[in-house]
């Protein structure tokens, strides 16, 4: 994948996360404070915990850090997949955000 293709896919991913947080804040009691600085989105929760998604441009990866651990994702041509477990990015994001928010929430492509 070219650097431009990576950048477009990764930027789309971050924008979707931000938009979904806004939707969840409007439709649920989740109260997710999302802030974006460059290639990083920080999701902060009422208990002070955070989920962080950031771009690793030199590696063409997206990294997710949460209470449950750190995860590295590469785009396989269709979706972002964990480099170790092959788990799809939105599956882990959904599980992590639900854990931090203490309520079931869903993120998808």
PDB file of N, CA and C in Angstrom:
ATOM      1  N   UNK A   1       0.848  -1.162   0.000  1.00  0.00           N
ATOM      2  CA  UNK A   1       0.000   0.000   0.000  1.00  0.00           C
ATOM      3  C   UNK A   1       0.898   1.230   0.000  1.00  0.00           C
ATOM      4  N   UNK A   2       0.496   2.245  -0.711  1.00  0.00           N
ATOM      5  CA  UNK A   2       1.284   3.474  -0.740  1.00  0.00           C
ATOM      6  C   UNK A   2       1.038   4.270   0.539  1.00  0.00           C
ATOM      7  N   UNK A   3       1.903   5.217   0.803  1.00  0.00           N
ATOM      8  CA  UNK A   3       1.733   6.070   1.978  1.00  0.00           C
ATOM      9  C   UNK A   3       0.430   6.865   1.889  1.00  0.00           C
ATOM     10  N   UNK A   4       0.077   7.304   0.698  1.00  0.00           N
ATOM     11  CA  UNK A   4      -1.167   8.061   0.513  1.00  0.00           C
ATOM     12  C   UNK A   4      -2.392   7.183   0.786  1.00  0.00           C
ATOM     13  N   UNK A   5      -2.361   5.947   0.305  1.00  0.00           N
ATOM     14  CA  UNK A   5      -3.473   5.031   0.570  1.00  0.00           C
ATOM     15  C   UNK A   5      -3.615   4.783   2.071  1.00  0.00           C
ATOM     16  N   UNK A   6      -2.486   4.530   2.731  1.00  0.00           N
ATOM     17  CA  UNK A   6      -2.511   4.342   4.186  1.00  0.00           C
ATOM     18  C   UNK A   6      -3.112   5.565   4.869  1.00  0.00           C
ATOM     19  N   UNK A   7      -2.626   6.735   4.518  1.00  0.00           N
ATOM     20  CA  UNK A   7      -3.087   7.966   5.157  1.00  0.00           C
ATOM     21  C   UNK A   7      -4.592   8.148   4.980  1.00  0.00           C
ATOM     22  N   UNK A   8      -5.105   7.897   3.788  1.00  0.00           N
ATOM     23  CA  UNK A   8      -6.545   8.037   3.539  1.00  0.00           C
ATOM     24  C   UNK A   8      -7.352   7.045   4.369  1.00  0.00           C
ATOM     25  N   UNK A   9      -6.919   5.783   4.402  1.00  0.00           N
ATOM     26  CA  UNK A   9      -7.632   4.767   5.183  1.00  0.00           C
ATOM     27  C   UNK A   9      -7.578   5.075   6.678  1.00  0.00           C
ATOM     28  N   UNK A  10      -6.422   5.472   7.162  1.00  0.00           N
ATOM     29  CA  UNK A  10      -6.251   5.748   8.584  1.00  0.00           C
ATOM     30  C   UNK A  10      -7.031   6.990   9.013  1.00  0.00           C
ATOM     31  N   UNK A  11      -7.010   8.028   8.193  1.00  0.00           N
ATOM     32  CA  UNK A  11      -7.765   9.245   8.513  1.00  0.00           C
ATOM     33  C   UNK A  11      -9.265   8.970   8.522  1.00  0.00           C
ATOM     34  N   UNK A  12      -9.729   8.128   7.606  1.00  0.00           N
ATOM     35  CA  UNK A  12     -11.141   7.741   7.589  1.00  0.00           C
ATOM     36  C   UNK A  12     -11.508   7.013   8.879  1.00  0.00           C
ATOM     37  N   UNK A  13     -10.629   6.131   9.328  1.00  0.00           N
ATOM     38  CA  UNK A  13     -10.855   5.397  10.571  1.00  0.00           C
ATOM     39  C   UNK A  13     -11.002   6.360  11.755  1.00  0.00           C
ATOM     40  N   UNK A  14     -10.083   7.298  11.888  1.00  0.00           N
ATOM     41  CA  UNK A  14     -10.145   8.247  13.008  1.00  0.00           C
ATOM     42  C   UNK A  14     -11.405   9.102  12.939  1.00  0.00           C
ATOM     43  N   UNK A  15     -11.768   9.549  11.746  1.00  0.00           N
ATOM     44  CA  UNK A  15     -12.983  10.360  11.593  1.00  0.00           C
ATOM     45  C   UNK A  15     -14.231   9.564  11.976  1.00  0.00           C
ATOM     46  N   UNK A  16     -14.274   8.275  11.640  1.00  0.00           N
ATOM     47  CA  UNK A  16     -15.419   7.429  12.002  1.00  0.00           C
ATOM     48  C   UNK A  16     -15.513   7.248  13.517  1.00  0.00           C
ATOM     49  N   UNK A  17     -14.379   7.110  14.165  1.00  0.00           N
ATOM     50  CA  UNK A  17     -14.379   6.979  15.622  1.00  0.00           C
ATOM     51  C   UNK A  17     -14.949   8.245  16.254  1.00  0.00           C
ATOM     52  N   UNK A  18     -14.479   9.399  15.798  1.00  0.00           N
ATOM     53  CA  UNK A  18     -14.971  10.663  16.339  1.00  0.00           C
ATOM     54  C   UNK A  18     -16.473  10.820  16.116  1.00  0.00           C
ATOM     55  N   UNK A  19     -16.928  10.531  14.905  1.00  0.00           N
ATOM     56  CA  UNK A  19     -18.351  10.667  14.582  1.00  0.00           C
ATOM     57  C   UNK A  19     -19.199   9.712  15.413  1.00  0.00           C
ATOM     58  N   UNK A  20     -18.724   8.493  15.595  1.00  0.00           N
ATOM     59  CA  UNK A  20     -19.487   7.506  16.380  1.00  0.00           C
ATOM     60  C   UNK A  20     -19.558   7.922  17.844  1.00  0.00           C
ATOM     61  N   UNK A  21     -18.480   8.455  18.381  1.00  0.00           N
ATOM     62  CA  UNK A  21     -18.520   8.949  19.771  1.00  0.00           C
ATOM     63  C   UNK A  21     -19.578  10.046  19.913  1.00  0.00           C
ATOM     64  N   UNK A  22     -19.625  10.946  18.944  1.00  0.00           N
ATOM     65  CA  UNK A  22     -20.630  12.011  18.979  1.00  0.00           C
ATOM     66  C   UNK A  22     -22.041  11.423  18.948  1.00  0.00           C
ATOM     67  N   UNK A  23     -22.263  10.425  18.089  1.00  0.00           N
ATOM     68  CA  UNK A  23     -23.573   9.768  18.014  1.00  0.00           C
ATOM     69  C   UNK A  23     -23.924   9.101  19.346  1.00  0.00           C
ATOM     70  N   UNK A  24     -22.958   8.389  19.926  1.00  0.00           N
ATOM     71  CA  UNK A  24     -23.214   7.700  21.196  1.00  0.00           C
ATOM     72  C   UNK A  24     -23.501   8.689  22.317  1.00  0.00           C
ATOM     73  N   UNK A  25     -22.826   9.806  22.317  1.00  0.00           N
ATOM     74  CA  UNK A  25     -23.079  10.820  23.343  1.00  0.00           C
ATOM     75  C   UNK A  25     -24.481  11.407  23.222  1.00  0.00           C
ATOM     76  N   UNK A  26     -24.986  11.503  22.000  1.00  0.00           N
ATOM     77  CA  UNK A  26     -26.329  12.031  21.779  1.00  0.00           C
ATOM     78  C   UNK A  26     -27.421  11.011  22.090  1.00  0.00           C
ATOM     79  N   UNK A  27     -27.121   9.730  21.877  1.00  0.00           N
ATOM     80  CA  UNK A  27     -28.169   8.711  21.983  1.00  0.00           C
ATOM     81  C   UNK A  27     -28.087   7.827  23.229  1.00  0.00           C
ATOM     82  N   UNK A  28     -27.014   7.970  24.023  1.00  0.00           N
ATOM     83  CA  UNK A  28     -26.852   7.149  25.230  1.00  0.00           C
ATOM     84  C   UNK A  28     -26.337   8.023  26.375  1.00  0.00           C
ATOM     85  N   UNK A  29     -26.122   7.409  27.513  1.00  0.00           N
ATOM     86  CA  UNK A  29     -25.523   8.093  28.656  1.00  0.00           C
ATOM     87  C   UNK A  29     -24.016   7.844  28.732  1.00  0.00           C
ATOM     88  N   UNK A  30     -23.396   7.496  27.619  1.00  0.00           N
ATOM     89  CA  UNK A  30     -21.987   7.097  27.618  1.00  0.00           C
ATOM     90  C   UNK A  30     -21.035   8.213  28.060  1.00  0.00           C
ATOM     91  N   UNK A  31     -21.245   9.434  27.649  1.00  0.00           N
ATOM     92  CA  UNK A  31     -20.410  10.580  28.020  1.00  0.00           C
ATOM     93  C   UNK A  31     -18.935  10.319  27.719  1.00  0.00           C
ATOM     94  N   UNK A  32     -18.641  10.097  26.441  1.00  0.00           N
ATOM     95  CA  UNK A  32     -17.271   9.878  25.985  1.00  0.00           C
ATOM     96  C   UNK A  32     -16.710  11.210  25.507  1.00  0.00           C
ATOM     97  N   UNK A  33     -15.655  11.663  26.152  1.00  0.00           N
ATOM     98  CA  UNK A  33     -14.980  12.884  25.730  1.00  0.00           C
ATOM     99  C   UNK A  33     -13.917  12.487  24.718  1.00  0.00           C
ATOM    100  N   UNK A  34     -14.128  12.849  23.446  1.00  0.00           N
ATOM    101  CA  UNK A  34     -13.134  12.477  22.436  1.00  0.00           C
ATOM    102  C   UNK A  34     -12.406  13.715  21.951  1.00  0.00           C
ATOM    103  N   UNK A  35     -11.095  13.597  21.935  1.00  0.00           N
ATOM    104  CA  UNK A  35     -10.242  14.691  21.486  1.00  0.00           C
ATOM    105  C   UNK A  35      -9.256  14.161  20.464  1.00  0.00           C
ATOM    106  N   UNK A  36      -9.091  14.947  19.412  1.00  0.00           N
ATOM    107  CA  UNK A  36      -8.133  14.550  18.376  1.00  0.00           C
ATOM    108  C   UNK A  36      -7.012  15.573  18.299  1.00  0.00           C
ATOM    109  N   UNK A  37      -5.803  15.053  18.308  1.00  0.00           N
ATOM    110  CA  UNK A  37      -4.613  15.874  18.111  1.00  0.00           C
ATOM    111  C   UNK A  37      -3.778  15.168  17.045  1.00  0.00           C
ATOM    112  N   UNK A  38      -3.706  15.746  15.868  1.00  0.00           N
ATOM    113  CA  UNK A  38      -2.955  15.130  14.773  1.00  0.00           C
ATOM    114  C   UNK A  38      -3.474  13.752  14.456  1.00  0.00           C
ATOM    115  N   UNK A  39      -2.606  12.757  14.511  1.00  0.00           N
ATOM    116  CA  UNK A  39      -2.970  11.384  14.196  1.00  0.00           C
ATOM    117  C   UNK A  39      -3.346  10.570  15.406  1.00  0.00           C
ATOM    118  N   UNK A  40      -3.902  11.212  16.438  1.00  0.00           N
ATOM    119  CA  UNK A  40      -4.275  10.489  17.653  1.00  0.00           C
ATOM    120  C   UNK A  40      -5.642  10.957  18.141  1.00  0.00           C
ATOM    121  N   UNK A  41      -6.483   9.986  18.491  1.00  0.00           N
ATOM    122  CA  UNK A  41      -7.774  10.261  19.113  1.00  0.00           C
ATOM    123  C   UNK A  41      -7.744   9.663  20.514  1.00  0.00           C
ATOM    124  N   UNK A  42      -8.073  10.488  21.499  1.00  0.00           N
ATOM    125  CA  UNK A  42      -8.147  10.034  22.883  1.00  0.00           C
ATOM    126  C   UNK A  42      -9.606  10.043  23.307  1.00  0.00           C
ATOM    127  N   UNK A  43     -10.080   8.902  23.783  1.00  0.00           N
ATOM    128  CA  UNK A  43     -11.437   8.782  24.305  1.00  0.00           C
ATOM    129  C   UNK A  43     -11.317   8.704  25.822  1.00  0.00           C
ATOM    130  N   UNK A  44     -11.880   9.684  26.513  1.00  0.00           N
ATOM    131  CA  UNK A  44     -11.792   9.732  27.974  1.00  0.00           C
ATOM    132  C   UNK A  44     -13.169   9.445  28.560  1.00  0.00           C
ATOM    133  N   UNK A  45     -13.179   8.714  29.669  1.00  0.00           N
ATOM    134  CA  UNK A  45     -14.413   8.252  30.283  1.00  0.00           C
ATOM    135  C   UNK A  45     -14.581   8.840  31.679  1.00  0.00           C
ATOM    136  N   UNK A  46     -15.785   8.744  32.213  1.00  0.00           N
ATOM    137  CA  UNK A  46     -16.129   9.356  33.499  1.00  0.00           C
ATOM    138  C   UNK A  46     -15.232   8.894  34.642  1.00  0.00           C
ATOM    139  N   UNK A  47     -14.736   7.659  34.581  1.00  0.00           N
ATOM    140  CA  UNK A  47     -13.888   7.144  35.660  1.00  0.00           C
ATOM    141  C   UNK A  47     -12.420   7.550  35.507  1.00  0.00           C
ATOM    142  N   UNK A  48     -12.122   8.386  34.507  1.00  0.00           N
ATOM    143  CA  UNK A  48     -10.760   8.846  34.276  1.00  0.00           C
ATOM    144  C   UNK A  48      -9.947   7.949  33.359  1.00  0.00           C
ATOM    145  N   UNK A  49     -10.490   6.809  32.954  1.00  0.00           N
ATOM    146  CA  UNK A  49      -9.761   5.905  32.059  1.00  0.00           C
ATOM    147  C   UNK A  49      -9.814   6.431  30.628  1.00  0.00           C
ATOM    148  N   UNK A  50      -8.948   5.879  29.780  1.00  0.00           N
ATOM    149  CA  UNK A  50      -8.857   6.327  28.398  1.00  0.00           C
ATOM    150  C   UNK A  50      -8.659   5.146  27.447  1.00  0.00           C
ATOM    151  N   UNK A  51      -9.123   5.347  26.230  1.00  0.00           N
ATOM    152  CA  UNK A  51      -8.782   4.498  25.098  1.00  0.00           C
ATOM    153  C   UNK A  51      -8.118   5.435  24.099  1.00  0.00           C
ATOM    154  N   UNK A  52      -6.950   5.049  23.623  1.00  0.00           N
ATOM    155  CA  UNK A  52      -6.207   5.905  22.697  1.00  0.00           C
ATOM    156  C   UNK A  52      -5.986   5.150  21.390  1.00  0.00           C
ATOM    157  N   UNK A  53      -6.296   5.815  20.291  1.00  0.00           N
ATOM    158  CA  UNK A  53      -6.059   5.271  18.963  1.00  0.00           C
ATOM    159  C   UNK A  53      -5.106   6.235  18.263  1.00  0.00           C
ATOM    160  N   UNK A  54      -3.971   5.726  17.821  1.00  0.00           N
ATOM    161  CA  UNK A  54      -3.039   6.614  17.133  1.00  0.00           C
ATOM    162  C   UNK A  54      -2.422   5.941  15.914  1.00  0.00           C
ATOM    163  N   UNK A  55      -2.023   6.784  14.982  1.00  0.00           N
ATOM    164  CA  UNK A  55      -1.449   6.313  13.735  1.00  0.00           C
ATOM    165  C   UNK A  55       0.047   6.143  13.886  1.00  0.00           C
ATOM    166  N   UNK A  56       0.550   5.071  13.320  1.00  0.00           N
ATOM    167  CA  UNK A  56       1.985   4.809  13.260  1.00  0.00           C
ATOM    168  C   UNK A  56       2.359   4.805  11.782  1.00  0.00           C
ATOM    169  N   UNK A  57       2.558   6.003  11.256  1.00  0.00           N
ATOM    170  CA  UNK A  57       2.762   6.170   9.816  1.00  0.00           C
ATOM    171  C   UNK A  57       3.956   5.391   9.260  1.00  0.00           C
ATOM    172  N   UNK A  58       5.120   5.390   9.917  1.00  0.00           N
ATOM    173  CA  UNK A  58       6.256   4.657   9.330  1.00  0.00           C
ATOM    174  C   UNK A  58       5.984   3.159   9.159  1.00  0.00           C
ATOM    175  N   UNK A  59       5.143   2.607  10.038  1.00  0.00           N
ATOM    176  CA  UNK A  59       4.817   1.177   9.981  1.00  0.00           C
ATOM    177  C   UNK A  59       3.528   0.898   9.220  1.00  0.00           C
ATOM    178  N   UNK A  60       2.826   1.956   8.841  1.00  0.00           N
ATOM    179  CA  UNK A  60       1.506   1.863   8.223  1.00  0.00           C
ATOM    180  C   UNK A  60       0.563   1.048   9.107  1.00  0.00           C
ATOM    181  N   UNK A  61       0.558   1.363  10.393  1.00  0.00           N
ATOM    182  CA  UNK A  61      -0.297   0.694  11.363  1.00  0.00           C
ATOM    183  C   UNK A  61      -1.138   1.699  12.118  1.00  0.00           C
ATOM    184  N   UNK A  62      -2.156   1.172  12.765  1.00  0.00           N
ATOM    185  CA  UNK A  62      -2.972   1.913  13.724  1.00  0.00           C
ATOM    186  C   UNK A  62      -2.837   1.180  15.040  1.00  0.00           C
ATOM    187  N   UNK A  63      -2.543   1.919  16.098  1.00  0.00           N
ATOM    188  CA  UNK A  63      -2.388   1.314  17.416  1.00  0.00           C
ATOM    189  C   UNK A  63      -3.535   1.722  18.310  1.00  0.00           C
ATOM    190  N   UNK A  64      -3.992   0.787  19.132  1.00  0.00           N
ATOM    191  CA  UNK A  64      -5.053   1.034  20.104  1.00  0.00           C
ATOM    192  C   UNK A  64      -4.519   0.655  21.481  1.00  0.00           C
ATOM    193  N   UNK A  65      -4.662   1.564  22.430  1.00  0.00           N
ATOM    194  CA  UNK A  65      -4.260   1.293  23.809  1.00  0.00           C
ATOM    195  C   UNK A  65      -5.486   1.446  24.700  1.00  0.00           C
ATOM    196  N   UNK A  66      -5.705   0.450  25.559  1.00  0.00           N
ATOM    197  CA  UNK A  66      -6.855   0.446  26.458  1.00  0.00           C
ATOM    198  C   UNK A  66      -6.463  -0.269  27.739  1.00  0.00           C
ATOM    199  N   UNK A  67      -7.379  -0.310  28.667  1.00  0.00           N
ATOM    200  CA  UNK A  67      -7.146  -1.003  29.932  1.00  0.00           C
ATOM    201  C   UNK A  67      -6.717  -2.460  29.686  1.00  0.00           C
ATOM    202  N   UNK A  68      -7.267  -3.058  28.653  1.00  0.00           N
ATOM    203  CA  UNK A  68      -7.003  -4.468  28.361  1.00  0.00           C
ATOM    204  C   UNK A  68      -5.650  -4.713  27.689  1.00  0.00           C
ATOM    205  N   UNK A  69      -4.986  -3.654  27.219  1.00  0.00           N
ATOM    206  CA  UNK A  69      -3.672  -3.829  26.606  1.00  0.00           C
ATOM    207  C   UNK A  69      -3.461  -2.945  25.400  1.00  0.00           C
ATOM    208  N   UNK A  70      -2.382  -3.231  24.678  1.00  0.00           N
ATOM    209  CA  UNK A  70      -2.045  -2.496  23.476  1.00  0.00           C
ATOM    210  C   UNK A  70      -2.155  -3.397  22.258  1.00  0.00           C
ATOM    211  N   UNK A  71      -2.655  -2.850  21.164  1.00  0.00           N
ATOM    212  CA  UNK A  71      -2.935  -3.638  19.966  1.00  0.00           C
ATOM    213  C   UNK A  71      -2.430  -2.891  18.736  1.00  0.00           C
ATOM    214  N   UNK A  72      -1.913  -3.643  17.772  1.00  0.00           N
ATOM    215  CA  UNK A  72      -1.383  -3.074  16.536  1.00  0.00           C
ATOM    216  C   UNK A  72      -2.189  -3.636  15.367  1.00  0.00           C
ATOM    217  N   UNK A  73      -2.612  -2.746  14.468  1.00  0.00           N
ATOM    218  CA  UNK A  73      -3.455  -3.140  13.340  1.00  0.00           C
ATOM    219  C   UNK A  73      -2.840  -2.713  12.015  1.00  0.00           C
ATOM    220  N   UNK A  74      -2.945  -3.605  11.023  1.00  0.00           N
ATOM    221  CA  UNK A  74      -2.553  -3.307   9.638  1.00  0.00           C
ATOM    222  C   UNK A  74      -3.763  -3.560   8.745  1.00  0.00           C
ATOM    223  N   UNK A  75      -3.864  -2.765   7.713  1.00  0.00           N
ATOM    224  CA  UNK A  75      -4.968  -2.935   6.775  1.00  0.00           C
ATOM    225  C   UNK A  75      -4.656  -4.095   5.840  1.00  0.00           C
ATOM    226  N   UNK A  76      -5.609  -5.025   5.702  1.00  0.00           N
ATOM    227  CA  UNK A  76      -5.386  -6.219   4.878  1.00  0.00           C
ATOM    228  C   UNK A  76      -5.968  -6.092   3.466  1.00  0.00           C
ATOM    229  N   UNK A  77      -6.355  -4.879   3.105  1.00  0.00           N
ATOM    230  CA  UNK A  77      -6.997  -4.660   1.809  1.00  0.00           C
ATOM    231  C   UNK A  77      -8.491  -4.462   1.939  1.00  0.00           C
ATOM    232  N   UNK A  78      -9.032  -4.912   3.092  1.00  0.00           N
ATOM    233  CA  UNK A  78     -10.463  -4.742   3.350  1.00  0.00           C
ATOM    234  C   UNK A  78     -10.731  -4.122   4.709  1.00  0.00           C
ATOM    235  N   UNK A  79     -10.054  -4.612   5.742  1.00  0.00           N
ATOM    236  CA  UNK A  79     -10.270  -4.116   7.107  1.00  0.00           C
ATOM    237  C   UNK A  79      -8.935  -4.032   7.845  1.00  0.00           C
ATOM    238  N   UNK A  80      -8.955  -3.346   8.978  1.00  0.00           N
ATOM    239  CA  UNK A  80      -7.783  -3.285   9.851  1.00  0.00           C
ATOM    240  C   UNK A  80      -7.783  -4.525  10.738  1.00  0.00           C
ATOM    241  N   UNK A  81      -6.660  -5.275  10.739  1.00  0.00           N
ATOM    242  CA  UNK A  81      -6.562  -6.517  11.499  1.00  0.00           C
ATOM    243  C   UNK A  81      -5.375  -6.466  12.449  1.00  0.00           C
ATOM    244  N   UNK A  82      -5.588  -7.045  13.652  1.00  0.00           N
ATOM    245  CA  UNK A  82      -4.528  -7.128  14.646  1.00  0.00           C
ATOM    246  C   UNK A  82      -3.375  -7.958  14.084  1.00  0.00           C
ATOM    247  N   UNK A  83      -2.161  -7.463  14.289  1.00  0.00           N
ATOM    248  CA  UNK A  83      -0.989  -8.131  13.724  1.00  0.00           C
ATOM    249  C   UNK A  83      -0.671  -9.444  14.418  1.00  0.00           C
ATOM    250  N   UNK A  84      -1.210  -9.688  15.608  1.00  0.00           N
ATOM    251  CA  UNK A  84      -0.952 -10.936  16.326  1.00  0.00           C
ATOM    252  C   UNK A  84      -2.142 -11.887  16.300  1.00  0.00           C
ATOM    253  N   UNK A  85      -3.348 -11.362  16.539  1.00  0.00           N
ATOM    254  CA  UNK A  85      -4.517 -12.233  16.691  1.00  0.00           C
ATOM    255  C   UNK A  85      -5.421 -12.270  15.465  1.00  0.00           C
ATOM    256  N   UNK A  86      -5.231 -11.334  14.527  1.00  0.00           N
ATOM    257  CA  UNK A  86      -6.076 -11.203  13.343  1.00  0.00           C
ATOM    258  C   UNK A  86      -7.465 -10.647  13.661  1.00  0.00           C
ATOM    259  N   UNK A  87      -7.689 -10.228  14.897  1.00  0.00           N
ATOM    260  CA  UNK A  87      -8.974  -9.625  15.278  1.00  0.00           C
ATOM    261  C   UNK A  87      -9.180  -8.331  14.491  1.00  0.00           C
ATOM    262  N   UNK A  88     -10.408  -8.080  14.077  1.00  0.00           N
ATOM    263  CA  UNK A  88     -10.756  -6.870  13.347  1.00  0.00           C
ATOM    264  C   UNK A  88     -10.771  -5.681  14.314  1.00  0.00           C
ATOM    265  N   UNK A  89     -10.319  -4.528  13.861  1.00  0.00           N
ATOM    266  CA  UNK A  89     -10.159  -3.341  14.703  1.00  0.00           C
ATOM    267  C   UNK A  89     -11.435  -2.975  15.455  1.00  0.00           C
ATOM    268  N   UNK A  90     -12.560  -2.899  14.758  1.00  0.00           N
ATOM    269  CA  UNK A  90     -13.797  -2.439  15.395  1.00  0.00           C
ATOM    270  C   UNK A  90     -14.299  -3.412  16.465  1.00  0.00           C
ATOM    271  N   UNK A  91     -13.948  -4.691  16.352  1.00  0.00           N
ATOM    272  CA  UNK A  91     -14.305  -5.648  17.409  1.00  0.00           C
ATOM    273  C   UNK A  91     -13.612  -5.269  18.715  1.00  0.00           C
ATOM    274  N   UNK A  92     -12.313  -4.990  18.631  1.00  0.00           N
ATOM    275  CA  UNK A  92     -11.557  -4.622  19.832  1.00  0.00           C
ATOM    276  C   UNK A  92     -11.991  -3.258  20.349  1.00  0.00           C
ATOM    277  N   UNK A  93     -12.220  -2.289  19.444  1.00  0.00           N
ATOM    278  CA  UNK A  93     -12.664  -0.963  19.867  1.00  0.00           C
ATOM    279  C   UNK A  93     -14.003  -1.054  20.589  1.00  0.00           C
ATOM    280  N   UNK A  94     -14.936  -1.833  20.050  1.00  0.00           N
ATOM    281  CA  UNK A  94     -16.240  -2.026  20.692  1.00  0.00           C
ATOM    282  C   UNK A  94     -16.076  -2.618  22.088  1.00  0.00           C
ATOM    283  N   UNK A  95     -15.263  -3.665  22.217  1.00  0.00           N
ATOM    284  CA  UNK A  95     -15.055  -4.310  23.520  1.00  0.00           C
ATOM    285  C   UNK A  95     -14.392  -3.346  24.505  1.00  0.00           C
ATOM    286  N   UNK A  96     -13.390  -2.613  24.046  1.00  0.00           N
ATOM    287  CA  UNK A  96     -12.658  -1.707  24.932  1.00  0.00           C
ATOM    288  C   UNK A  96     -13.520  -0.541  25.392  1.00  0.00           C
ATOM    289  N   UNK A  97     -14.219   0.091  24.462  1.00  0.00           N
ATOM    290  CA  UNK A  97     -15.063   1.232  24.828  1.00  0.00           C
ATOM    291  C   UNK A  97     -16.202   0.778  25.740  1.00  0.00           C
ATOM    292  N   UNK A  98     -16.786  -0.366  25.466  1.00  0.00           N
ATOM    293  CA  UNK A  98     -17.860  -0.887  26.321  1.00  0.00           C
ATOM    294  C   UNK A  98     -17.347  -1.139  27.734  1.00  0.00           C
ATOM    295  N   UNK A  99     -16.138  -1.676  27.850  1.00  0.00           N
ATOM    296  CA  UNK A  99     -15.549  -1.918  29.169  1.00  0.00           C
ATOM    297  C   UNK A  99     -15.313  -0.607  29.909  1.00  0.00           C
ATOM    298  N   UNK A 100     -14.735   0.366  29.241  1.00  0.00           N
ATOM    299  CA  UNK A 100     -14.424   1.641  29.891  1.00  0.00           C
ATOM    300  C   UNK A 100     -15.693   2.429  30.235  1.00  0.00           C
ATOM    301  N   UNK A 101     -16.685   2.385  29.363  1.00  0.00           N
ATOM    302  CA  UNK A 101     -17.932   3.129  29.596  1.00  0.00           C
ATOM    303  C   UNK A 101     -18.879   2.394  30.537  1.00  0.00           C
ATOM    304  N   UNK A 102     -18.594   1.119  30.765  1.00  0.00           N
ATOM    305  CA  UNK A 102     -19.424   0.267  31.628  1.00  0.00           C
ATOM    306  C   UNK A 102     -20.856   0.147  31.098  1.00  0.00           C
ATOM    307  N   UNK A 103     -20.936   0.047  29.761  1.00  0.00           N
ATOM    308  CA  UNK A 103     -22.222  -0.195  29.091  1.00  0.00           C
ATOM    309  C   UNK A 103     -21.942  -0.713  27.695  1.00  0.00           C
ATOM    310  N   UNK A 104     -22.844  -1.510  27.155  1.00  0.00           N
ATOM    311  CA  UNK A 104     -22.609  -2.040  25.808  1.00  0.00           C
ATOM    312  C   UNK A 104     -22.746  -0.949  24.758  1.00  0.00           C
ATOM    313  N   UNK A 105     -21.685  -0.736  24.003  1.00  0.00           N
ATOM    314  CA  UNK A 105     -21.675   0.245  22.925  1.00  0.00           C
ATOM    315  C   UNK A 105     -21.081  -0.433  21.691  1.00  0.00           C
ATOM    316  N   UNK A 106     -21.466   0.001  20.509  1.00  0.00           N
ATOM    317  CA  UNK A 106     -21.023  -0.654  19.279  1.00  0.00           C
ATOM    318  C   UNK A 106     -20.358   0.341  18.343  1.00  0.00           C
ATOM    319  N   UNK A 107     -19.191  -0.060  17.836  1.00  0.00           N
ATOM    320  CA  UNK A 107     -18.498   0.658  16.781  1.00  0.00           C
ATOM    321  C   UNK A 107     -18.393  -0.276  15.591  1.00  0.00           C
ATOM    322  N   UNK A 108     -18.558   0.265  14.387  1.00  0.00           N
ATOM    323  CA  UNK A 108     -18.417  -0.558  13.178  1.00  0.00           C
ATOM    324  C   UNK A 108     -17.934   0.314  12.032  1.00  0.00           C
ATOM    325  N   UNK A 109     -17.500  -0.344  10.969  1.00  0.00           N
ATOM    326  CA  UNK A 109     -16.949   0.368   9.802  1.00  0.00           C
ATOM    327  C   UNK A 109     -18.022   1.147   9.080  1.00  0.00           C
TER     328      UNK A 109
END
